Amino acid sequence: MISTYVSCVIEAPLAKVWQTIRPFDSLAAWHPYVAACTIEEGQPADRVGCIRRLQLRDGGIVRETLLALSDPEHRIVYDILESPMPVANYVARIDLHDITEGNKTFAHWSVQFDTADEKRAAMVTLLQDIFRTGLLRLNQLNYS
């Protein structure tokens, strides 16, 4: 099992960042690589077990299942059902933590997955780029 993560400080209060990312169908609103994001079969976007379908800007399709959503812990956990990436057993999570000094948010996006040994380094680099790009975009949003 391979694991990697990206973290950053977001210059916004935890409650506002959580409100932005909490809906499982909100990814297109804040991640530059995602053109559209919908929940399949009309399920609520906060129901554990719902499946979101991502239309990527490069034309790829990704389907992910919401495995856990915790308001007290400000945590989202999801897996991948379908993806153009050569991964298996992919489980990712986003955790947000309050930074009381300055009313900021610490964001940590992590993943565990399997892939062929020859693809390991490339997949770690790609996933770190995806996560970093998303977190940097969250830091650029206007939360007022």
C-alpha atoms as a PDB file:
ATOM      1  CA  MET A   1       0.000   0.000   0.000  1.00  0.00           C
ATOM      2  CA  ILE A   2       1.332   3.407  -1.013  1.00  0.00           C
ATOM      3  CA  SER A   3       0.441   6.566   0.871  1.00  0.00           C
ATOM      4  CA  THR A   4       1.018  10.248   0.327  1.00  0.00           C
ATOM      5  CA  TYR A   5      -0.458  13.557   1.401  1.00  0.00           C
ATOM      6  CA  VAL A   6      -0.405  17.307   0.954  1.00  0.00           C
ATOM      7  CA  SER A   7      -1.178  19.888   3.610  1.00  0.00           C
ATOM      8  CA  CYS A   8      -1.453  23.642   3.820  1.00  0.00           C
ATOM      9  CA  VAL A   9      -2.778  26.542   5.826  1.00  0.00           C
ATOM     10  CA  ILE A  10      -5.899  28.158   4.382  1.00  0.00           C
ATOM     11  CA  GLU A  11      -6.374  31.810   5.236  1.00  0.00           C
ATOM     12  CA  ALA A  12     -10.032  31.384   6.197  1.00  0.00           C
ATOM     13  CA  PRO A  13     -12.033  30.190   9.199  1.00  0.00           C
ATOM     14  CA  LEU A  14     -12.617  26.450   9.538  1.00  0.00           C
ATOM     15  CA  ALA A  15     -16.413  26.796   9.392  1.00  0.00           C
ATOM     16  CA  LYS A  16     -16.283  28.561   6.023  1.00  0.00           C
ATOM     17  CA  VAL A  17     -13.808  26.128   4.466  1.00  0.00           C
ATOM     18  CA  TRP A  18     -15.847  23.169   5.763  1.00  0.00           C
ATOM     19  CA  GLN A  19     -19.034  24.682   4.328  1.00  0.00           C
ATOM     20  CA  THR A  20     -17.272  24.866   0.940  1.00  0.00           C
ATOM     21  CA  ILE A  21     -15.963  21.295   0.784  1.00  0.00           C
ATOM     22  CA  ARG A  22     -18.580  19.415   2.830  1.00  0.00           C
ATOM     23  CA  PRO A  23     -21.071  18.764   0.012  1.00  0.00           C
ATOM     24  CA  PHE A  24     -19.698  15.721  -1.816  1.00  0.00           C
ATOM     25  CA  ASP A  25     -20.844  17.271  -5.101  1.00  0.00           C
ATOM     26  CA  SER A  26     -19.004  20.579  -4.561  1.00  0.00           C
ATOM     27  CA  LEU A  27     -15.635  19.626  -6.073  1.00  0.00           C
ATOM     28  CA  ALA A  28     -16.245  21.415  -9.390  1.00  0.00           C
ATOM     29  CA  ALA A  29     -16.869  24.645  -7.477  1.00  0.00           C
ATOM     30  CA  TRP A  30     -13.390  24.688  -5.995  1.00  0.00           C
ATOM     31  CA  HIS A  31     -11.039  22.276  -7.786  1.00  0.00           C
ATOM     32  CA  PRO A  32      -9.599  23.573 -11.085  1.00  0.00           C
ATOM     33  CA  TYR A  33      -9.236  20.073 -12.613  1.00  0.00           C
ATOM     34  CA  VAL A  34     -12.959  19.272 -12.262  1.00  0.00           C
ATOM     35  CA  ALA A  35     -15.409  20.597 -14.862  1.00  0.00           C
ATOM     36  CA  ALA A  36     -18.575  19.067 -13.404  1.00  0.00           C
ATOM     37  CA  CYS A  37     -19.559  17.034 -10.375  1.00  0.00           C
ATOM     38  CA  THR A  38     -22.902  15.326  -9.803  1.00  0.00           C
ATOM     39  CA  ILE A  39     -24.292  12.782  -7.371  1.00  0.00           C
ATOM     40  CA  GLU A  40     -25.683   9.703  -9.079  1.00  0.00           C
ATOM     41  CA  GLU A  41     -29.268   8.490  -8.666  1.00  0.00           C
ATOM     42  CA  GLY A  42     -30.433  11.705  -6.995  1.00  0.00           C
ATOM     43  CA  GLN A  43     -28.918  10.792  -3.628  1.00  0.00           C
ATOM     44  CA  PRO A  44     -28.245  13.555  -1.096  1.00  0.00           C
ATOM     45  CA  ALA A  45     -24.681  14.890  -1.354  1.00  0.00           C
ATOM     46  CA  ASP A  46     -24.017  14.163   2.318  1.00  0.00           C
ATOM     47  CA  ARG A  47     -25.295  10.580   2.453  1.00  0.00           C
ATOM     48  CA  VAL A  48     -22.586   8.028   3.152  1.00  0.00           C
ATOM     49  CA  GLY A  49     -22.608   5.611   0.218  1.00  0.00           C
ATOM     50  CA  CYS A  50     -23.571   8.179  -2.403  1.00  0.00           C
ATOM     51  CA  ILE A  51     -21.526   8.156  -5.593  1.00  0.00           C
ATOM     52  CA  ARG A  52     -20.236  11.287  -7.262  1.00  0.00           C
ATOM     53  CA  ARG A  53     -19.358  11.450 -10.935  1.00  0.00           C
ATOM     54  CA  LEU A  54     -16.581  13.836 -11.872  1.00  0.00           C
ATOM     55  CA  GLN A  55     -16.122  15.137 -15.387  1.00  0.00           C
ATOM     56  CA  LEU A  56     -12.511  16.227 -15.531  1.00  0.00           C
ATOM     57  CA  ARG A  57     -11.395  19.178 -17.648  1.00  0.00           C
ATOM     58  CA  ASP A  58      -9.234  16.809 -19.723  1.00  0.00           C
ATOM     59  CA  GLY A  59     -12.329  14.717 -20.552  1.00  0.00           C
ATOM     60  CA  GLY A  60     -11.726  11.896 -18.077  1.00  0.00           C
ATOM     61  CA  ILE A  61     -14.452  10.470 -15.850  1.00  0.00           C
ATOM     62  CA  VAL A  62     -13.968   9.554 -12.204  1.00  0.00           C
ATOM     63  CA  ARG A  63     -16.562   7.927  -9.950  1.00  0.00           C
ATOM     64  CA  GLU A  64     -16.098   8.039  -6.187  1.00  0.00           C
ATOM     65  CA  THR A  65     -18.038   6.765  -3.174  1.00  0.00           C
ATOM     66  CA  LEU A  66     -18.489   8.798   0.004  1.00  0.00           C
ATOM     67  CA  LEU A  67     -17.276   6.444   2.756  1.00  0.00           C
ATOM     68  CA  ALA A  68     -17.468   8.813   5.728  1.00  0.00           C
ATOM     69  CA  LEU A  69     -18.487  12.379   6.476  1.00  0.00           C
ATOM     70  CA  SER A  70     -17.871  13.790   9.945  1.00  0.00           C
ATOM     71  CA  ASP A  71     -19.012  17.261  10.897  1.00  0.00           C
ATOM     72  CA  PRO A  72     -17.396  17.147  14.374  1.00  0.00           C
ATOM     73  CA  GLU A  73     -14.051  16.004  12.916  1.00  0.00           C
ATOM     74  CA  HIS A  74     -14.370  18.012   9.668  1.00  0.00           C
ATOM     75  CA  ARG A  75     -13.416  14.912   7.686  1.00  0.00           C
ATOM     76  CA  ILE A  76     -14.410  13.457   4.312  1.00  0.00           C
ATOM     77  CA  VAL A  77     -13.334   9.938   3.328  1.00  0.00           C
ATOM     78  CA  TYR A  78     -13.933   8.525  -0.149  1.00  0.00           C
ATOM     79  CA  ASP A  79     -12.790   5.816  -2.512  1.00  0.00           C
ATOM     80  CA  ILE A  80     -12.519   5.502  -6.282  1.00  0.00           C
ATOM     81  CA  LEU A  81     -14.808   3.187  -8.211  1.00  0.00           C
ATOM     82  CA  GLU A  82     -13.710   4.208 -11.697  1.00  0.00           C
ATOM     83  CA  SER A  83     -10.810   6.340 -12.885  1.00  0.00           C
ATOM     84  CA  PRO A  84      -8.384   6.755 -15.779  1.00  0.00           C
ATOM     85  CA  MET A  85      -5.599   6.519 -13.185  1.00  0.00           C
ATOM     86  CA  PRO A  86      -3.995   3.078 -12.790  1.00  0.00           C
ATOM     87  CA  VAL A  87      -4.863   2.699  -9.092  1.00  0.00           C
ATOM     88  CA  ALA A  88      -6.572   0.088  -6.942  1.00  0.00           C
ATOM     89  CA  ASN A  89      -7.724   0.079  -3.319  1.00  0.00           C
ATOM     90  CA  TYR A  90      -7.735   3.887  -3.406  1.00  0.00           C
ATOM     91  CA  VAL A  91      -9.031   5.553  -0.235  1.00  0.00           C
ATOM     92  CA  ALA A  92      -8.532   9.278   0.330  1.00  0.00           C
ATOM     93  CA  ARG A  93      -9.496  11.682   3.044  1.00  0.00           C
ATOM     94  CA  ILE A  94      -9.583  15.387   3.628  1.00  0.00           C
ATOM     95  CA  ASP A  95      -9.214  16.603   7.205  1.00  0.00           C
ATOM     96  CA  LEU A  96      -9.628  20.200   8.326  1.00  0.00           C
ATOM     97  CA  HIS A  97      -8.388  21.550  11.657  1.00  0.00           C
ATOM     98  CA  ASP A  98      -8.922  24.887  13.319  1.00  0.00           C
ATOM     99  CA  ILE A  99      -5.899  27.152  13.709  1.00  0.00           C
ATOM    100  CA  THR A 100      -7.054  29.478  16.459  1.00  0.00           C
ATOM    101  CA  GLU A 101      -4.231  31.966  15.977  1.00  0.00           C
ATOM    102  CA  GLY A 102      -5.443  34.137  13.116  1.00  0.00           C
ATOM    103  CA  ASN A 103      -8.690  32.192  12.584  1.00  0.00           C
ATOM    104  CA  LYS A 104      -7.209  29.976   9.850  1.00  0.00           C
ATOM    105  CA  THR A 105      -7.636  26.368   8.752  1.00  0.00           C
ATOM    106  CA  PHE A 106      -5.095  23.576   8.486  1.00  0.00           C
ATOM    107  CA  ALA A 107      -6.017  21.255   5.596  1.00  0.00           C
ATOM    108  CA  HIS A 108      -4.595  17.764   5.131  1.00  0.00           C
ATOM    109  CA  TRP A 109      -5.499  15.668   2.053  1.00  0.00           C
ATOM    110  CA  SER A 110      -4.150  12.125   2.128  1.00  0.00           C
ATOM    111  CA  VAL A 111      -4.508   8.875   0.207  1.00  0.00           C
ATOM    112  CA  GLN A 112      -3.584   5.207   0.302  1.00  0.00           C
ATOM    113  CA  PHE A 113      -3.637   3.159  -2.895  1.00  0.00           C
ATOM    114  CA  ASP A 114      -2.023   0.365  -4.854  1.00  0.00           C
ATOM    115  CA  THR A 115      -0.465   0.576  -8.302  1.00  0.00           C
ATOM    116  CA  ALA A 116       2.160  -1.265 -10.333  1.00  0.00           C
ATOM    117  CA  ASP A 117       5.694  -0.727  -9.023  1.00  0.00           C
ATOM    118  CA  GLU A 118       6.802   1.006 -12.220  1.00  0.00           C
ATOM    119  CA  LYS A 119       3.964   3.556 -11.847  1.00  0.00           C
ATOM    120  CA  ARG A 120       4.490   4.262  -8.161  1.00  0.00           C
ATOM    121  CA  ALA A 121       6.577   7.452  -8.407  1.00  0.00           C
ATOM    122  CA  ALA A 122       4.452   8.912 -11.199  1.00  0.00           C
ATOM    123  CA  MET A 123       1.205   8.255  -9.299  1.00  0.00           C
ATOM    124  CA  VAL A 124       2.529   9.795  -6.082  1.00  0.00           C
ATOM    125  CA  THR A 125       3.601  12.896  -8.022  1.00  0.00           C
ATOM    126  CA  LEU A 126       0.266  13.100  -9.853  1.00  0.00           C
ATOM    127  CA  LEU A 127      -1.836  12.724  -6.717  1.00  0.00           C
ATOM    128  CA  GLN A 128       0.235  15.253  -4.820  1.00  0.00           C
ATOM    129  CA  ASP A 129      -0.304  17.687  -7.705  1.00  0.00           C
ATOM    130  CA  ILE A 130      -4.074  17.065  -7.691  1.00  0.00           C
ATOM    131  CA  PHE A 131      -4.302  17.571  -3.936  1.00  0.00           C
ATOM    132  CA  ARG A 132      -1.970  20.598  -3.884  1.00  0.00           C
ATOM    133  CA  THR A 133      -3.876  22.284  -6.712  1.00  0.00           C
ATOM    134  CA  GLY A 134      -7.186  21.788  -4.896  1.00  0.00           C
ATOM    135  CA  LEU A 135      -5.904  23.051  -1.563  1.00  0.00           C
ATOM    136  CA  LEU A 136      -4.226  26.062  -3.151  1.00  0.00           C
ATOM    137  CA  ARG A 137      -7.504  26.919  -4.886  1.00  0.00           C
ATOM    138  CA  LEU A 138      -9.347  26.668  -1.547  1.00  0.00           C
ATOM    139  CA  ASN A 139      -6.873  29.200  -0.216  1.00  0.00           C
ATOM    140  CA  GLN A 140      -7.663  31.609  -3.076  1.00  0.00           C
ATOM    141  CA  LEU A 141     -11.448  31.616  -2.627  1.00  0.00           C
ATOM    142  CA  ASN A 142     -13.283  34.609  -1.213  1.00  0.00           C
ATOM    143  CA  TYR A 143     -14.900  33.385   2.018  1.00  0.00           C
ATOM    144  CA  SER A 144     -16.534  36.663   3.040  1.00  0.00           C
END
